[in-house]
Amino acid sequence: MYNKQNKKNPQRGIAIFDKSTSELTIQRLSHVFTATGHQWGKRLNNFAEVPLFLDSKMSRSIQMADLIAYSIFRHFEYKDSKYFSVIQNCFDTDGKAIHGLHTLV
């Protein structure tokens, strides 16, 4: 696997999900996205592994991801920034556009 857009970019990613009843559906979508692409026509080429599923009760990393996702959801869906305000400076921005979360270090 390599990134067709930038062949010199060897970075790989891993998708980790909380265990749920959607595990089989997500596994199937992962296969489709890497084999034929998604609705915008792009294939996902840089996964290092198939999606992994962990019980959030056993993983602090998944619990942290859940908290971050919840704070983002509350901010954009309900205009409630109580939790988002704690992490908002950890996002990469370009003007008013928010691009992604980066490390807190």
Protein backbone atom coordinates (compact mmCIF):
# COMPACT_ATOMS: atom_id res chain seq x y z
CA MET A 1 0.00 0.00 0.00
CA TYR A 2 1.14 3.50 -0.77
CA ASN A 3 -0.37 6.94 -1.04
CA LYS A 4 -1.10 7.54 -4.74
CA GLN A 5 -1.33 11.27 -4.15
CA ASN A 6 2.17 11.49 -2.68
CA LYS A 7 4.30 8.40 -3.20
CA LYS A 8 6.99 9.83 -0.92
CA ASN A 9 4.62 9.86 2.05
CA PRO A 10 4.90 6.43 3.70
CA GLN A 11 2.77 7.28 6.75
CA ARG A 12 0.23 4.69 7.81
CA GLY A 13 -2.79 4.95 10.05
CA ILE A 14 -4.83 2.67 12.26
CA ALA A 15 -8.55 3.05 12.93
CA ILE A 16 -9.49 2.01 16.46
CA PHE A 17 -13.15 1.83 17.48
CA ASP A 18 -15.01 1.17 20.69
CA LYS A 19 -16.49 -2.33 20.69
CA SER A 20 -20.08 -2.22 19.50
CA THR A 21 -22.71 -4.09 17.55
CA SER A 22 -21.48 -2.19 14.45
CA GLU A 23 -18.17 -4.06 14.29
CA LEU A 24 -19.10 -6.28 11.34
CA THR A 25 -20.53 -3.33 9.37
CA ILE A 26 -17.39 -1.26 9.94
CA GLN A 27 -15.16 -4.18 8.91
CA ARG A 28 -17.14 -4.52 5.66
CA LEU A 29 -16.97 -0.76 4.97
CA SER A 30 -13.22 -0.83 5.57
CA HIS A 31 -12.84 -3.54 2.94
CA VAL A 32 -14.98 -1.60 0.44
CA PHE A 33 -13.12 1.68 1.07
CA THR A 34 -9.72 0.07 0.52
CA ALA A 35 -10.79 -2.07 -2.45
CA THR A 36 -13.09 0.21 -4.45
CA GLY A 37 -13.27 3.56 -2.66
CA HIS A 38 -15.94 5.62 -0.98
CA GLN A 39 -18.70 7.88 -2.32
CA TRP A 40 -16.18 10.56 -3.36
CA GLY A 41 -14.29 8.00 -5.43
CA LYS A 42 -11.07 7.83 -3.42
CA ARG A 43 -9.62 4.59 -2.11
CA LEU A 44 -8.14 4.53 1.37
CA ASN A 45 -4.63 3.26 0.81
CA ASN A 46 -2.63 4.03 3.89
CA PHE A 47 -4.08 1.80 6.57
CA ALA A 48 -1.43 -0.21 8.39
CA GLU A 49 -3.99 -2.69 9.69
CA VAL A 50 -7.68 -3.57 9.53
CA PRO A 51 -9.87 -1.58 11.95
CA LEU A 52 -9.32 -2.64 15.55
CA PHE A 53 -12.05 -2.84 18.18
CA LEU A 54 -11.38 -2.35 21.90
CA ASP A 55 -13.67 -2.25 24.90
CA SER A 56 -13.54 1.35 26.13
CA LYS A 57 -13.80 0.09 29.71
CA MET A 58 -10.37 -1.48 29.23
CA SER A 59 -8.62 1.31 27.30
CA ARG A 60 -7.89 4.81 28.53
CA SER A 61 -7.07 5.87 24.96
CA ILE A 62 -10.56 4.93 23.75
CA GLN A 63 -12.09 6.69 26.76
CA MET A 64 -10.10 9.83 25.87
CA ALA A 65 -11.20 9.63 22.23
CA ASP A 66 -14.82 9.29 23.41
CA LEU A 67 -14.46 12.42 25.57
CA ILE A 68 -12.91 14.40 22.72
CA ALA A 69 -15.60 13.25 20.28
CA TYR A 70 -18.33 14.13 22.77
CA SER A 71 -16.93 17.62 23.35
CA ILE A 72 -16.74 18.23 19.59
CA PHE A 73 -20.29 16.92 19.11
CA ARG A 74 -21.69 19.16 21.87
CA HIS A 75 -19.84 22.18 20.45
CA PHE A 76 -21.08 21.84 16.88
CA GLU A 77 -24.47 20.20 17.41
CA TYR A 78 -25.72 22.11 20.44
CA LYS A 79 -23.44 25.18 20.54
CA ASP A 80 -22.30 24.02 23.99
CA SER A 81 -18.56 24.75 24.31
CA LYS A 82 -18.19 23.81 27.98
CA TYR A 83 -15.91 20.86 27.20
CA PHE A 84 -14.70 21.92 23.75
CA SER A 85 -13.17 25.09 25.22
CA VAL A 86 -10.71 22.88 27.15
CA ILE A 87 -9.29 21.36 23.93
CA GLN A 88 -9.98 24.04 21.30
CA ASN A 89 -6.38 25.30 21.29
CA CYS A 90 -5.18 21.79 20.40
CA PHE A 91 -6.66 22.02 16.91
CA ASP A 92 -4.73 23.15 13.87
CA THR A 93 -6.46 26.18 12.36
CA ASP A 94 -6.16 28.28 9.24
CA GLY A 95 -8.10 31.44 9.84
CA LYS A 96 -11.53 30.27 10.96
CA ALA A 97 -11.13 26.77 9.51
CA ILE A 98 -10.43 24.00 12.04
CA HIS A 99 -8.39 21.19 10.47
CA GLY A 100 -7.62 18.58 13.07
CA LEU A 101 -6.54 17.77 16.57
CA HIS A 102 -2.81 17.66 17.25
CA THR A 103 -0.87 16.43 20.23
CA LEU A 104 -1.14 18.21 23.53
CA VAL A 105 2.62 18.01 24.15
